[in-house]
Amino acid sequence: MFFLIISLITDATTLSFNGDQFMRIDLVQESVTQADNLNIRFRTIRSNGLILITTSDIKPLYHLLINLEFGRLKVTLSLGEGKKVSYIGHSLNDDQWHTLKLEKRGPSLDLKLDEEKLITQ
C-alpha cells in the first residue's frame, strides 16, 4: 500500500494506491518557471516505486522523476542539458509518514526530507 499527499497551494488531499494504480493530471496550460516549490508527504512499506513524474510537451527534455529505490528517495531532474540525480534518506519503507520539500531556483535544487537537507548545484 502506498499513500501520497501532494500540497501545492490549497489544502492537501490524501491518495491511496495499491501499487498498480496511478493518477494523471493534465494541465491546460504548461509553464516553465525559474522557481518551483513542491511538498510531498508519503508512507509505504514498498522499498521501490514511483512517487512522481512530470513531463512536458513544450520541452520534452525537461522532466522531474521522484522514486523510491531500495528504500532511498531518488530525485532526477532534467533541464535539457543533462540530468541531476540525488539520493536522500534511507529505510523510507517503514510505513511512517515522510515529508519531501523540493525547491528549484534556476539550475539549483534544494531537497529536504524530514530533517535531512541536501543541496545540489
PDB file of N, CA and C in Angstrom:
ATOM      1  N   MET A   1       0.847  -1.171   0.000  1.00  0.00           N
ATOM      2  CA  MET A   1       0.000   0.000   0.000  1.00  0.00           C
ATOM      3  C   MET A   1       0.895   1.237   0.000  1.00  0.00           C
ATOM      4  N   PHE A   2       0.545   2.229  -0.754  1.00  0.00           N
ATOM      5  CA  PHE A   2       1.320   3.451  -0.886  1.00  0.00           C
ATOM      6  C   PHE A   2       0.386   4.627  -0.675  1.00  0.00           C
ATOM      7  N   PHE A   3       0.737   5.528   0.222  1.00  0.00           N
ATOM      8  CA  PHE A   3      -0.048   6.722   0.485  1.00  0.00           C
ATOM      9  C   PHE A   3       0.754   7.939   0.053  1.00  0.00           C
ATOM     10  N   LEU A   4       0.085   8.928  -0.507  1.00  0.00           N
ATOM     11  CA  LEU A   4       0.769  10.099  -1.025  1.00  0.00           C
ATOM     12  C   LEU A   4      -0.077  11.335  -0.784  1.00  0.00           C
ATOM     13  N   ILE A   5       0.560  12.395  -0.313  1.00  0.00           N
ATOM     14  CA  ILE A   5      -0.095  13.692  -0.178  1.00  0.00           C
ATOM     15  C   ILE A   5       0.755  14.707  -0.934  1.00  0.00           C
ATOM     16  N   ILE A   6       0.159  15.424  -1.857  1.00  0.00           N
ATOM     17  CA  ILE A   6       0.850  16.487  -2.577  1.00  0.00           C
ATOM     18  C   ILE A   6       0.198  17.794  -2.197  1.00  0.00           C
ATOM     19  N   SER A   7       1.006  18.732  -1.756  1.00  0.00           N
ATOM     20  CA  SER A   7       0.492  20.028  -1.332  1.00  0.00           C
ATOM     21  C   SER A   7       1.023  21.101  -2.261  1.00  0.00           C
ATOM     22  N   LEU A   8       0.157  21.787  -2.937  1.00  0.00           N
ATOM     23  CA  LEU A   8       0.562  22.896  -3.786  1.00  0.00           C
ATOM     24  C   LEU A   8       0.228  24.189  -3.056  1.00  0.00           C
ATOM     25  N   ILE A   9      -0.956  24.705  -3.224  1.00  0.00           N
ATOM     26  CA  ILE A   9      -1.346  25.936  -2.543  1.00  0.00           C
ATOM     27  C   ILE A   9      -2.527  25.690  -1.621  1.00  0.00           C
ATOM     28  N   THR A  10      -3.448  24.854  -2.023  1.00  0.00           N
ATOM     29  CA  THR A  10      -4.667  24.622  -1.261  1.00  0.00           C
ATOM     30  C   THR A  10      -4.483  23.472  -0.280  1.00  0.00           C
ATOM     31  N   ASP A  11      -5.544  23.144   0.430  1.00  0.00           N
ATOM     32  CA  ASP A  11      -5.496  22.020   1.363  1.00  0.00           C
ATOM     33  C   ASP A  11      -5.147  20.739   0.615  1.00  0.00           C
ATOM     34  N   ALA A  12      -4.413  19.880   1.276  1.00  0.00           N
ATOM     35  CA  ALA A  12      -3.943  18.651   0.656  1.00  0.00           C
ATOM     36  C   ALA A  12      -5.007  17.563   0.702  1.00  0.00           C
ATOM     37  N   THR A  13      -4.930  16.673  -0.245  1.00  0.00           N
ATOM     38  CA  THR A  13      -5.792  15.510  -0.317  1.00  0.00           C
ATOM     39  C   THR A  13      -4.922  14.266  -0.172  1.00  0.00           C
ATOM     40  N   THR A  14      -5.382  13.275   0.572  1.00  0.00           N
ATOM     41  CA  THR A  14      -4.643  12.029   0.732  1.00  0.00           C
ATOM     42  C   THR A  14      -5.125  11.035  -0.301  1.00  0.00           C
ATOM     43  N   LEU A  15      -4.182  10.442  -1.013  1.00  0.00           N
ATOM     44  CA  LEU A  15      -4.480   9.426  -2.023  1.00  0.00           C
ATOM     45  C   LEU A  15      -3.873   8.109  -1.570  1.00  0.00           C
ATOM     46  N   SER A  16      -4.512   7.010  -1.905  1.00  0.00           N
ATOM     47  CA  SER A  16      -4.012   5.688  -1.560  1.00  0.00           C
ATOM     48  C   SER A  16      -3.926   4.850  -2.825  1.00  0.00           C
ATOM     49  N   PHE A  17      -2.755   4.238  -3.038  1.00  0.00           N
ATOM     50  CA  PHE A  17      -2.529   3.413  -4.221  1.00  0.00           C
ATOM     51  C   PHE A  17      -2.075   2.027  -3.791  1.00  0.00           C
ATOM     52  N   ASN A  18      -2.476   1.013  -4.557  1.00  0.00           N
ATOM     53  CA  ASN A  18      -2.115  -0.354  -4.190  1.00  0.00           C
ATOM     54  C   ASN A  18      -0.885  -0.868  -4.922  1.00  0.00           C
ATOM     55  N   GLY A  19      -0.230  -0.036  -5.696  1.00  0.00           N
ATOM     56  CA  GLY A  19       0.970  -0.442  -6.421  1.00  0.00           C
ATOM     57  C   GLY A  19       0.747  -0.575  -7.907  1.00  0.00           C
ATOM     58  N   ASP A  20      -0.491  -0.750  -8.335  1.00  0.00           N
ATOM     59  CA  ASP A  20      -0.806  -0.872  -9.756  1.00  0.00           C
ATOM     60  C   ASP A  20      -1.565   0.342 -10.273  1.00  0.00           C
ATOM     61  N   GLN A  21      -1.848   1.291  -9.411  1.00  0.00           N
ATOM     62  CA  GLN A  21      -2.676   2.431  -9.784  1.00  0.00           C
ATOM     63  C   GLN A  21      -1.813   3.684  -9.928  1.00  0.00           C
ATOM     64  N   PHE A  22      -2.367   4.682 -10.615  1.00  0.00           N
ATOM     65  CA  PHE A  22      -1.700   5.969 -10.731  1.00  0.00           C
ATOM     66  C   PHE A  22      -2.746   7.036 -10.976  1.00  0.00           C
ATOM     67  N   MET A  23      -2.317   8.274 -10.843  1.00  0.00           N
ATOM     68  CA  MET A  23      -3.184   9.401 -11.121  1.00  0.00           C
ATOM     69  C   MET A  23      -2.475  10.283 -12.143  1.00  0.00           C
ATOM     70  N   ARG A  24      -3.215  10.743 -13.129  1.00  0.00           N
ATOM     71  CA  ARG A  24      -2.664  11.615 -14.151  1.00  0.00           C
ATOM     72  C   ARG A  24      -3.396  12.948 -14.094  1.00  0.00           C
ATOM     73  N   ILE A  25      -2.624  14.024 -14.115  1.00  0.00           N
ATOM     74  CA  ILE A  25      -3.200  15.366 -14.130  1.00  0.00           C
ATOM     75  C   ILE A  25      -2.676  16.068 -15.378  1.00  0.00           C
ATOM     76  N   ASP A  26      -3.588  16.443 -16.262  1.00  0.00           N
ATOM     77  CA  ASP A  26      -3.220  17.207 -17.448  1.00  0.00           C
ATOM     78  C   ASP A  26      -3.482  18.678 -17.169  1.00  0.00           C
ATOM     79  N   LEU A  27      -2.456  19.485 -17.324  1.00  0.00           N
ATOM     80  CA  LEU A  27      -2.613  20.919 -17.124  1.00  0.00           C
ATOM     81  C   LEU A  27      -3.049  21.557 -18.431  1.00  0.00           C
ATOM     82  N   VAL A  28      -3.984  22.465 -18.338  1.00  0.00           N
ATOM     83  CA  VAL A  28      -4.488  23.145 -19.531  1.00  0.00           C
ATOM     84  C   VAL A  28      -3.377  23.968 -20.168  1.00  0.00           C
ATOM     85  N   GLN A  29      -2.600  24.645 -19.331  1.00  0.00           N
ATOM     86  CA  GLN A  29      -1.515  25.468 -19.838  1.00  0.00           C
ATOM     87  C   GLN A  29      -0.237  25.079 -19.106  1.00  0.00           C
ATOM     88  N   GLU A  30       0.777  24.673 -19.852  1.00  0.00           N
ATOM     89  CA  GLU A  30       2.053  24.333 -19.247  1.00  0.00           C
ATOM     90  C   GLU A  30       2.829  25.606 -18.965  1.00  0.00           C
ATOM     91  N   SER A  31       3.650  25.554 -17.945  1.00  0.00           N
ATOM     92  CA  SER A  31       4.527  26.684 -17.675  1.00  0.00           C
ATOM     93  C   SER A  31       5.894  26.162 -17.277  1.00  0.00           C
ATOM     94  N   VAL A  32       6.921  26.836 -17.725  1.00  0.00           N
ATOM     95  CA  VAL A  32       8.294  26.535 -17.346  1.00  0.00           C
ATOM     96  C   VAL A  32       8.787  27.752 -16.578  1.00  0.00           C
ATOM     97  N   THR A  33       9.101  27.542 -15.303  1.00  0.00           N
ATOM     98  CA  THR A  33       9.477  28.661 -14.451  1.00  0.00           C
ATOM     99  C   THR A  33      10.904  28.496 -13.942  1.00  0.00           C
ATOM    100  N   GLN A  34      11.453  29.554 -13.413  1.00  0.00           N
ATOM    101  CA  GLN A  34      12.790  29.519 -12.816  1.00  0.00           C
ATOM    102  C   GLN A  34      12.741  29.137 -11.342  1.00  0.00           C
ATOM    103  N   ALA A  35      11.557  29.239 -10.719  1.00  0.00           N
ATOM    104  CA  ALA A  35      11.428  28.951  -9.290  1.00  0.00           C
ATOM    105  C   ALA A  35      10.200  28.073  -9.064  1.00  0.00           C
ATOM    106  N   ASP A  36      10.422  26.925  -8.444  1.00  0.00           N
ATOM    107  CA  ASP A  36       9.331  25.996  -8.156  1.00  0.00           C
ATOM    108  C   ASP A  36       9.494  25.442  -6.748  1.00  0.00           C
ATOM    109  N   ASN A  37       8.370  25.241  -6.063  1.00  0.00           N
ATOM    110  CA  ASN A  37       8.333  24.590  -4.757  1.00  0.00           C
ATOM    111  C   ASN A  37       7.349  23.433  -4.836  1.00  0.00           C
ATOM    112  N   LEU A  38       7.714  22.311  -4.233  1.00  0.00           N
ATOM    113  CA  LEU A  38       6.845  21.144  -4.214  1.00  0.00           C
ATOM    114  C   LEU A  38       7.002  20.460  -2.868  1.00  0.00           C
ATOM    115  N   ASN A  39       5.872  20.176  -2.212  1.00  0.00           N
ATOM    116  CA  ASN A  39       5.867  19.437  -0.948  1.00  0.00           C
ATOM    117  C   ASN A  39       5.081  18.149  -1.145  1.00  0.00           C
ATOM    118  N   ILE A  40       5.676  17.034  -0.743  1.00  0.00           N
ATOM    119  CA  ILE A  40       5.035  15.727  -0.867  1.00  0.00           C
ATOM    120  C   ILE A  40       5.189  14.987   0.456  1.00  0.00           C
ATOM    121  N   ARG A  41       4.085  14.425   0.948  1.00  0.00           N
ATOM    122  CA  ARG A  41       4.136  13.525   2.102  1.00  0.00           C
ATOM    123  C   ARG A  41       3.765  12.140   1.617  1.00  0.00           C
ATOM    124  N   PHE A  42       4.494  11.131   2.075  1.00  0.00           N
ATOM    125  CA  PHE A  42       4.223   9.764   1.633  1.00  0.00           C
ATOM    126  C   PHE A  42       4.558   8.788   2.747  1.00  0.00           C
ATOM    127  N   ARG A  43       3.940   7.613   2.648  1.00  0.00           N
ATOM    128  CA  ARG A  43       4.311   6.490   3.507  1.00  0.00           C
ATOM    129  C   ARG A  43       4.069   5.218   2.720  1.00  0.00           C
ATOM    130  N   THR A  44       4.910   4.234   2.958  1.00  0.00           N
ATOM    131  CA  THR A  44       4.809   2.983   2.223  1.00  0.00           C
ATOM    132  C   THR A  44       5.590   1.888   2.941  1.00  0.00           C
ATOM    133  N   ILE A  45       5.301   0.644   2.578  1.00  0.00           N
ATOM    134  CA  ILE A  45       6.110  -0.487   3.035  1.00  0.00           C
ATOM    135  C   ILE A  45       6.918  -1.051   1.867  1.00  0.00           C
ATOM    136  N   ARG A  46       6.741  -0.488   0.682  1.00  0.00           N
ATOM    137  CA  ARG A  46       7.477  -0.941  -0.501  1.00  0.00           C
ATOM    138  C   ARG A  46       8.827  -0.231  -0.572  1.00  0.00           C
ATOM    139  N   SER A  47       9.867  -0.975  -0.929  1.00  0.00           N
ATOM    140  CA  SER A  47      11.202  -0.376  -0.995  1.00  0.00           C
ATOM    141  C   SER A  47      11.480   0.270  -2.352  1.00  0.00           C
ATOM    142  N   ASN A  48      10.684  -0.050  -3.367  1.00  0.00           N
ATOM    143  CA  ASN A  48      10.864   0.520  -4.702  1.00  0.00           C
ATOM    144  C   ASN A  48       9.512   0.949  -5.240  1.00  0.00           C
ATOM    145  N   GLY A  49       9.484   2.108  -5.908  1.00  0.00           N
ATOM    146  CA  GLY A  49       8.235   2.555  -6.504  1.00  0.00           C
ATOM    147  C   GLY A  49       8.301   3.991  -6.979  1.00  0.00           C
ATOM    148  N   LEU A  50       7.440   4.308  -7.916  1.00  0.00           N
ATOM    149  CA  LEU A  50       7.335   5.648  -8.467  1.00  0.00           C
ATOM    150  C   LEU A  50       6.490   6.522  -7.549  1.00  0.00           C
ATOM    151  N   ILE A  51       6.966   7.720  -7.249  1.00  0.00           N
ATOM    152  CA  ILE A  51       6.196   8.674  -6.457  1.00  0.00           C
ATOM    153  C   ILE A  51       5.628   9.752  -7.361  1.00  0.00           C
ATOM    154  N   LEU A  52       6.460  10.335  -8.224  1.00  0.00           N
ATOM    155  CA  LEU A  52       6.000  11.424  -9.081  1.00  0.00           C
ATOM    156  C   LEU A  52       6.865  11.494 -10.325  1.00  0.00           C
ATOM    157  N   ILE A  53       6.226  11.734 -11.459  1.00  0.00           N
ATOM    158  CA  ILE A  53       6.965  12.036 -12.685  1.00  0.00           C
ATOM    159  C   ILE A  53       6.224  13.151 -13.403  1.00  0.00           C
ATOM    160  N   THR A  54       6.986  14.104 -13.922  1.00  0.00           N
ATOM    161  CA  THR A  54       6.403  15.169 -14.726  1.00  0.00           C
ATOM    162  C   THR A  54       6.984  15.089 -16.123  1.00  0.00           C
ATOM    163  N   THR A  55       6.193  15.466 -17.092  1.00  0.00           N
ATOM    164  CA  THR A  55       6.657  15.533 -18.472  1.00  0.00           C
ATOM    165  C   THR A  55       6.121  16.812 -19.092  1.00  0.00           C
ATOM    166  N   SER A  56       6.674  17.179 -20.233  1.00  0.00           N
ATOM    167  CA  SER A  56       6.260  18.408 -20.897  1.00  0.00           C
ATOM    168  C   SER A  56       6.205  18.189 -22.397  1.00  0.00           C
ATOM    169  N   ASP A  57       5.103  18.618 -22.999  1.00  0.00           N
ATOM    170  CA  ASP A  57       5.021  18.599 -24.456  1.00  0.00           C
ATOM    171  C   ASP A  57       5.795  19.767 -25.048  1.00  0.00           C
ATOM    172  N   ILE A  58       5.901  20.854 -24.288  1.00  0.00           N
ATOM    173  CA  ILE A  58       6.613  22.037 -24.766  1.00  0.00           C
ATOM    174  C   ILE A  58       8.115  21.786 -24.807  1.00  0.00           C
ATOM    175  N   LYS A  59       8.649  21.222 -23.739  1.00  0.00           N
ATOM    176  CA  LYS A  59      10.083  20.955 -23.644  1.00  0.00           C
ATOM    177  C   LYS A  59      10.259  19.491 -23.241  1.00  0.00           C
ATOM    178  N   PRO A  60      10.310  18.586 -24.222  1.00  0.00           N
ATOM    179  CA  PRO A  60      10.319  17.154 -23.908  1.00  0.00           C
ATOM    180  C   PRO A  60      11.541  16.683 -23.118  1.00  0.00           C
ATOM    181  N   LEU A  61      12.631  17.428 -23.116  1.00  0.00           N
ATOM    182  CA  LEU A  61      13.804  17.017 -22.359  1.00  0.00           C
ATOM    183  C   LEU A  61      13.737  17.455 -20.896  1.00  0.00           C
ATOM    184  N   TYR A  62      12.716  18.236 -20.532  1.00  0.00           N
ATOM    185  CA  TYR A  62      12.527  18.694 -19.163  1.00  0.00           C
ATOM    186  C   TYR A  62      11.638  17.694 -18.431  1.00  0.00           C
ATOM    187  N   HIS A  63      12.125  17.171 -17.318  1.00  0.00           N
ATOM    188  CA  HIS A  63      11.262  16.333 -16.500  1.00  0.00           C
ATOM    189  C   HIS A  63      11.806  16.207 -15.082  1.00  0.00           C
ATOM    190  N   LEU A  64      10.929  15.812 -14.186  1.00  0.00           N
ATOM    191  CA  LEU A  64      11.262  15.548 -12.799  1.00  0.00           C
ATOM    192  C   LEU A  64      10.756  14.146 -12.483  1.00  0.00           C
ATOM    193  N   LEU A  65      11.618  13.342 -11.898  1.00  0.00           N
ATOM    194  CA  LEU A  65      11.265  11.979 -11.518  1.00  0.00           C
ATOM    195  C   LEU A  65      11.643  11.785 -10.058  1.00  0.00           C
ATOM    196  N   ILE A  66      10.661  11.382  -9.238  1.00  0.00           N
ATOM    197  CA  ILE A  66      10.903  11.086  -7.827  1.00  0.00           C
ATOM    198  C   ILE A  66      10.447   9.656  -7.591  1.00  0.00           C
ATOM    199  N   ASN A  67      11.366   8.825  -7.111  1.00  0.00           N
ATOM    200  CA  ASN A  67      11.012   7.435  -6.861  1.00  0.00           C
ATOM    201  C   ASN A  67      11.798   6.879  -5.676  1.00  0.00           C
ATOM    202  N   LEU A  68      11.270   5.797  -5.121  1.00  0.00           N
ATOM    203  CA  LEU A  68      11.979   5.065  -4.084  1.00  0.00           C
ATOM    204  C   LEU A  68      12.805   3.981  -4.751  1.00  0.00           C
ATOM    205  N   GLU A  69      14.047   3.874  -4.325  1.00  0.00           N
ATOM    206  CA  GLU A  69      14.953   2.862  -4.861  1.00  0.00           C
ATOM    207  C   GLU A  69      15.665   2.218  -3.670  1.00  0.00           C
ATOM    208  N   PHE A  70      15.304   0.993  -3.371  1.00  0.00           N
ATOM    209  CA  PHE A  70      15.859   0.256  -2.235  1.00  0.00           C
ATOM    210  C   PHE A  70      15.708   1.035  -0.920  1.00  0.00           C
ATOM    211  N   GLY A  71      14.531   1.660  -0.740  1.00  0.00           N
ATOM    212  CA  GLY A  71      14.234   2.372   0.498  1.00  0.00           C
ATOM    213  C   GLY A  71      14.789   3.778   0.577  1.00  0.00           C
ATOM    214  N   ARG A  72      15.519   4.228  -0.459  1.00  0.00           N
ATOM    215  CA  ARG A  72      16.053   5.590  -0.508  1.00  0.00           C
ATOM    216  C   ARG A  72      15.267   6.388  -1.533  1.00  0.00           C
ATOM    217  N   LEU A  73      15.178   7.691  -1.320  1.00  0.00           N
ATOM    218  CA  LEU A  73      14.499   8.557  -2.263  1.00  0.00           C
ATOM    219  C   LEU A  73      15.487   8.983  -3.339  1.00  0.00           C
ATOM    220  N   LYS A  74      15.098   8.798  -4.587  1.00  0.00           N
ATOM    221  CA  LYS A  74      15.923   9.197  -5.724  1.00  0.00           C
ATOM    222  C   LYS A  74      15.174  10.295  -6.476  1.00  0.00           C
ATOM    223  N   VAL A  75      15.838  11.439  -6.667  1.00  0.00           N
ATOM    224  CA  VAL A  75      15.248  12.568  -7.379  1.00  0.00           C
ATOM    225  C   VAL A  75      16.098  12.833  -8.612  1.00  0.00           C
ATOM    226  N   THR A  76      15.461  12.757  -9.790  1.00  0.00           N
ATOM    227  CA  THR A  76      16.152  13.014 -11.048  1.00  0.00           C
ATOM    228  C   THR A  76      15.512  14.235 -11.694  1.00  0.00           C
ATOM    229  N   LEU A  77      16.331  15.242 -11.966  1.00  0.00           N
ATOM    230  CA  LEU A  77      15.861  16.469 -12.598  1.00  0.00           C
ATOM    231  C   LEU A  77      16.618  16.662 -13.895  1.00  0.00           C
ATOM    232  N   SER A  78      15.882  16.816 -14.972  1.00  0.00           N
ATOM    233  CA  SER A  78      16.484  17.080 -16.282  1.00  0.00           C
ATOM    234  C   SER A  78      15.967  18.419 -16.778  1.00  0.00           C
ATOM    235  N   LEU A  79      16.890  19.323 -17.057  1.00  0.00           N
ATOM    236  CA  LEU A  79      16.527  20.644 -17.563  1.00  0.00           C
ATOM    237  C   LEU A  79      17.009  20.833 -18.995  1.00  0.00           C
ATOM    238  N   GLY A  80      17.193  19.725 -19.723  1.00  0.00           N
ATOM    239  CA  GLY A  80      17.571  19.809 -21.121  1.00  0.00           C
ATOM    240  C   GLY A  80      19.060  19.652 -21.372  1.00  0.00           C
ATOM    241  N   GLU A  81      19.906  20.043 -20.428  1.00  0.00           N
ATOM    242  CA  GLU A  81      21.351  19.941 -20.634  1.00  0.00           C
ATOM    243  C   GLU A  81      21.989  18.905 -19.714  1.00  0.00           C
ATOM    244  N   GLY A  82      21.324  17.799 -19.542  1.00  0.00           N
ATOM    245  CA  GLY A  82      21.838  16.738 -18.685  1.00  0.00           C
ATOM    246  C   GLY A  82      20.962  16.534 -17.465  1.00  0.00           C
ATOM    247  N   LYS A  83      21.177  15.411 -16.792  1.00  0.00           N
ATOM    248  CA  LYS A  83      20.362  15.060 -15.626  1.00  0.00           C
ATOM    249  C   LYS A  83      21.135  15.298 -14.343  1.00  0.00           C
ATOM    250  N   LYS A  84      20.398  15.688 -13.310  1.00  0.00           N
ATOM    251  CA  LYS A  84      20.924  15.759 -11.954  1.00  0.00           C
ATOM    252  C   LYS A  84      20.225  14.667 -11.166  1.00  0.00           C
ATOM    253  N   VAL A  85      20.990  13.785 -10.575  1.00  0.00           N
ATOM    254  CA  VAL A  85      20.431  12.696  -9.777  1.00  0.00           C
ATOM    255  C   VAL A  85      20.897  12.858  -8.335  1.00  0.00           C
ATOM    256  N   SER A  86      19.953  12.856  -7.420  1.00  0.00           N
ATOM    257  CA  SER A  86      20.255  12.996  -5.995  1.00  0.00           C
ATOM    258  C   SER A  86      19.551  11.895  -5.224  1.00  0.00           C
ATOM    259  N   TYR A  87      20.214  11.405  -4.193  1.00  0.00           N
ATOM    260  CA  TYR A  87      19.631  10.427  -3.282  1.00  0.00           C
ATOM    261  C   TYR A  87      19.549  11.059  -1.895  1.00  0.00           C
ATOM    262  N   ILE A  88      18.455  10.782  -1.207  1.00  0.00           N
ATOM    263  CA  ILE A  88      18.299  11.298   0.147  1.00  0.00           C
ATOM    264  C   ILE A  88      17.468  10.298   0.947  1.00  0.00           C
ATOM    265  N   GLY A  89      17.820  10.156   2.221  1.00  0.00           N
ATOM    266  CA  GLY A  89      17.077   9.268   3.111  1.00  0.00           C
ATOM    267  C   GLY A  89      17.510   7.816   3.010  1.00  0.00           C
ATOM    268  N   HIS A  90      16.979   7.013   3.894  1.00  0.00           N
ATOM    269  CA  HIS A  90      17.201   5.567   3.898  1.00  0.00           C
ATOM    270  C   HIS A  90      16.090   4.907   4.705  1.00  0.00           C
ATOM    271  N   SER A  91      15.808   3.680   4.416  1.00  0.00           N
ATOM    272  CA  SER A  91      14.765   2.898   5.104  1.00  0.00           C
ATOM    273  C   SER A  91      13.429   3.639   5.138  1.00  0.00           C
ATOM    274  N   LEU A  92      13.067   4.257   4.017  1.00  0.00           N
ATOM    275  CA  LEU A  92      11.840   5.045   3.949  1.00  0.00           C
ATOM    276  C   LEU A  92      10.595   4.178   3.766  1.00  0.00           C
ATOM    277  N   ASN A  93      10.777   2.885   3.634  1.00  0.00           N
ATOM    278  CA  ASN A  93       9.660   1.954   3.511  1.00  0.00           C
ATOM    279  C   ASN A  93       9.270   1.401   4.889  1.00  0.00           C
ATOM    280  N   ASP A  94       9.209   2.296   5.872  1.00  0.00           N
ATOM    281  CA  ASP A  94       8.943   1.917   7.258  1.00  0.00           C
ATOM    282  C   ASP A  94       7.498   2.165   7.685  1.00  0.00           C
ATOM    283  N   ASP A  95       6.603   2.451   6.735  1.00  0.00           N
ATOM    284  CA  ASP A  95       5.181   2.704   6.996  1.00  0.00           C
ATOM    285  C   ASP A  95       4.967   3.919   7.904  1.00  0.00           C
ATOM    286  N   GLN A  96       5.911   4.844   7.896  1.00  0.00           N
ATOM    287  CA  GLN A  96       5.798   6.107   8.625  1.00  0.00           C
ATOM    288  C   GLN A  96       5.669   7.238   7.606  1.00  0.00           C
ATOM    289  N   TRP A  97       5.029   8.343   8.001  1.00  0.00           N
ATOM    290  CA  TRP A  97       4.895   9.486   7.115  1.00  0.00           C
ATOM    291  C   TRP A  97       6.239  10.190   6.975  1.00  0.00           C
ATOM    292  N   HIS A  98       6.601  10.524   5.727  1.00  0.00           N
ATOM    293  CA  HIS A  98       7.811  11.272   5.420  1.00  0.00           C
ATOM    294  C   HIS A  98       7.422  12.479   4.579  1.00  0.00           C
ATOM    295  N   THR A  99       8.139  13.578   4.772  1.00  0.00           N
ATOM    296  CA  THR A  99       7.852  14.809   4.047  1.00  0.00           C
ATOM    297  C   THR A  99       9.055  15.205   3.205  1.00  0.00           C
ATOM    298  N   LEU A 100       8.822  15.362   1.913  1.00  0.00           N
ATOM    299  CA  LEU A 100       9.842  15.838   0.987  1.00  0.00           C
ATOM    300  C   LEU A 100       9.489  17.260   0.588  1.00  0.00           C
ATOM    301  N   LYS A 101      10.445  18.169   0.724  1.00  0.00           N
ATOM    302  CA  LYS A 101      10.286  19.545   0.263  1.00  0.00           C
ATOM    303  C   LYS A 101      11.341  19.787  -0.806  1.00  0.00           C
ATOM    304  N   LEU A 102      10.875  20.183  -1.955  1.00  0.00           N
ATOM    305  CA  LEU A 102      11.765  20.417  -3.092  1.00  0.00           C
ATOM    306  C   LEU A 102      11.650  21.881  -3.491  1.00  0.00           C
ATOM    307  N   GLU A 103      12.787  22.554  -3.607  1.00  0.00           N
ATOM    308  CA  GLU A 103      12.831  23.933  -4.078  1.00  0.00           C
ATOM    309  C   GLU A 103      13.812  24.009  -5.237  1.00  0.00           C
ATOM    310  N   LYS A 104      13.324  24.481  -6.379  1.00  0.00           N
ATOM    311  CA  LYS A 104      14.183  24.663  -7.546  1.00  0.00           C
ATOM    312  C   LYS A 104      14.284  26.147  -7.829  1.00  0.00           C
ATOM    313  N   ARG A 105      15.505  26.626  -7.912  1.00  0.00           N
ATOM    314  CA  ARG A 105      15.778  28.010  -8.271  1.00  0.00           C
ATOM    315  C   ARG A 105      16.781  27.975  -9.419  1.00  0.00           C
ATOM    316  N   GLY A 106      16.287  28.187 -10.639  1.00  0.00           N
ATOM    317  CA  GLY A 106      17.160  28.059 -11.810  1.00  0.00           C
ATOM    318  C   GLY A 106      17.704  26.646 -11.861  1.00  0.00           C
ATOM    319  N   PRO A 107      19.017  26.485 -11.982  1.00  0.00           N
ATOM    320  CA  PRO A 107      19.589  25.134 -12.033  1.00  0.00           C
ATOM    321  C   PRO A 107      19.833  24.514 -10.663  1.00  0.00           C
ATOM    322  N   SER A 108      19.637  25.277  -9.578  1.00  0.00           N
ATOM    323  CA  SER A 108      19.893  24.784  -8.233  1.00  0.00           C
ATOM    324  C   SER A 108      18.666  24.060  -7.689  1.00  0.00           C
ATOM    325  N   LEU A 109      18.907  22.937  -7.027  1.00  0.00           N
ATOM    326  CA  LEU A 109      17.838  22.121  -6.470  1.00  0.00           C
ATOM    327  C   LEU A 109      18.135  21.865  -4.998  1.00  0.00           C
ATOM    328  N   ASP A 110      17.226  22.273  -4.117  1.00  0.00           N
ATOM    329  CA  ASP A 110      17.340  22.014  -2.678  1.00  0.00           C
ATOM    330  C   ASP A 110      16.300  20.973  -2.303  1.00  0.00           C
ATOM    331  N   LEU A 111      16.733  19.925  -1.612  1.00  0.00           N
ATOM    332  CA  LEU A 111      15.838  18.869  -1.155  1.00  0.00           C
ATOM    333  C   LEU A 111      15.913  18.795   0.364  1.00  0.00           C
ATOM    334  N   LYS A 112      14.763  18.636   0.983  1.00  0.00           N
ATOM    335  CA  LYS A 112      14.716  18.402   2.418  1.00  0.00           C
ATOM    336  C   LYS A 112      13.747  17.255   2.660  1.00  0.00           C
ATOM    337  N   LEU A 113      14.239  16.214   3.272  1.00  0.00           N
ATOM    338  CA  LEU A 113      13.427  15.048   3.596  1.00  0.00           C
ATOM    339  C   LEU A 113      13.395  14.925   5.108  1.00  0.00           C
ATOM    340  N   ASP A 114      12.210  15.086   5.689  1.00  0.00           N
ATOM    341  CA  ASP A 114      12.057  15.120   7.132  1.00  0.00           C
ATOM    342  C   ASP A 114      13.023  16.185   7.669  1.00  0.00           C
ATOM    343  N   GLU A 115      14.065  15.847   8.347  1.00  0.00           N
ATOM    344  CA  GLU A 115      15.017  16.844   8.865  1.00  0.00           C
ATOM    345  C   GLU A 115      16.338  16.849   8.111  1.00  0.00           C
ATOM    346  N   GLU A 116      16.490  15.988   7.135  1.00  0.00           N
ATOM    347  CA  GLU A 116      17.733  15.891   6.365  1.00  0.00           C
ATOM    348  C   GLU A 116      17.661  16.827   5.164  1.00  0.00           C
ATOM    349  N   LYS A 117      18.704  17.626   4.951  1.00  0.00           N
ATOM    350  CA  LYS A 117      18.702  18.580   3.846  1.00  0.00           C
ATOM    351  C   LYS A 117      19.841  18.241   2.886  1.00  0.00           C
ATOM    352  N   LEU A 118      19.552  18.337   1.598  1.00  0.00           N
ATOM    353  CA  LEU A 118      20.533  18.087   0.556  1.00  0.00           C
ATOM    354  C   LEU A 118      20.425  19.212  -0.461  1.00  0.00           C
ATOM    355  N   ILE A 119      21.542  19.834  -0.785  1.00  0.00           N
ATOM    356  CA  ILE A 119      21.563  20.919  -1.768  1.00  0.00           C
ATOM    357  C   ILE A 119      22.420  20.474  -2.943  1.00  0.00           C
ATOM    358  N   THR A 120      21.881  20.576  -4.142  1.00  0.00           N
ATOM    359  CA  THR A 120      22.638  20.219  -5.334  1.00  0.00           C
ATOM    360  C   THR A 120      22.766  21.446  -6.214  1.00  0.00           C
ATOM    361  N   GLN A 121      23.848  21.538  -6.899  1.00  0.00           N
ATOM    362  CA  GLN A 121      24.089  22.653  -7.820  1.00  0.00           C
ATOM    363  C   GLN A 121      24.089  22.142  -9.244  1.00  0.00           C
TER     364      GLN A 121
END
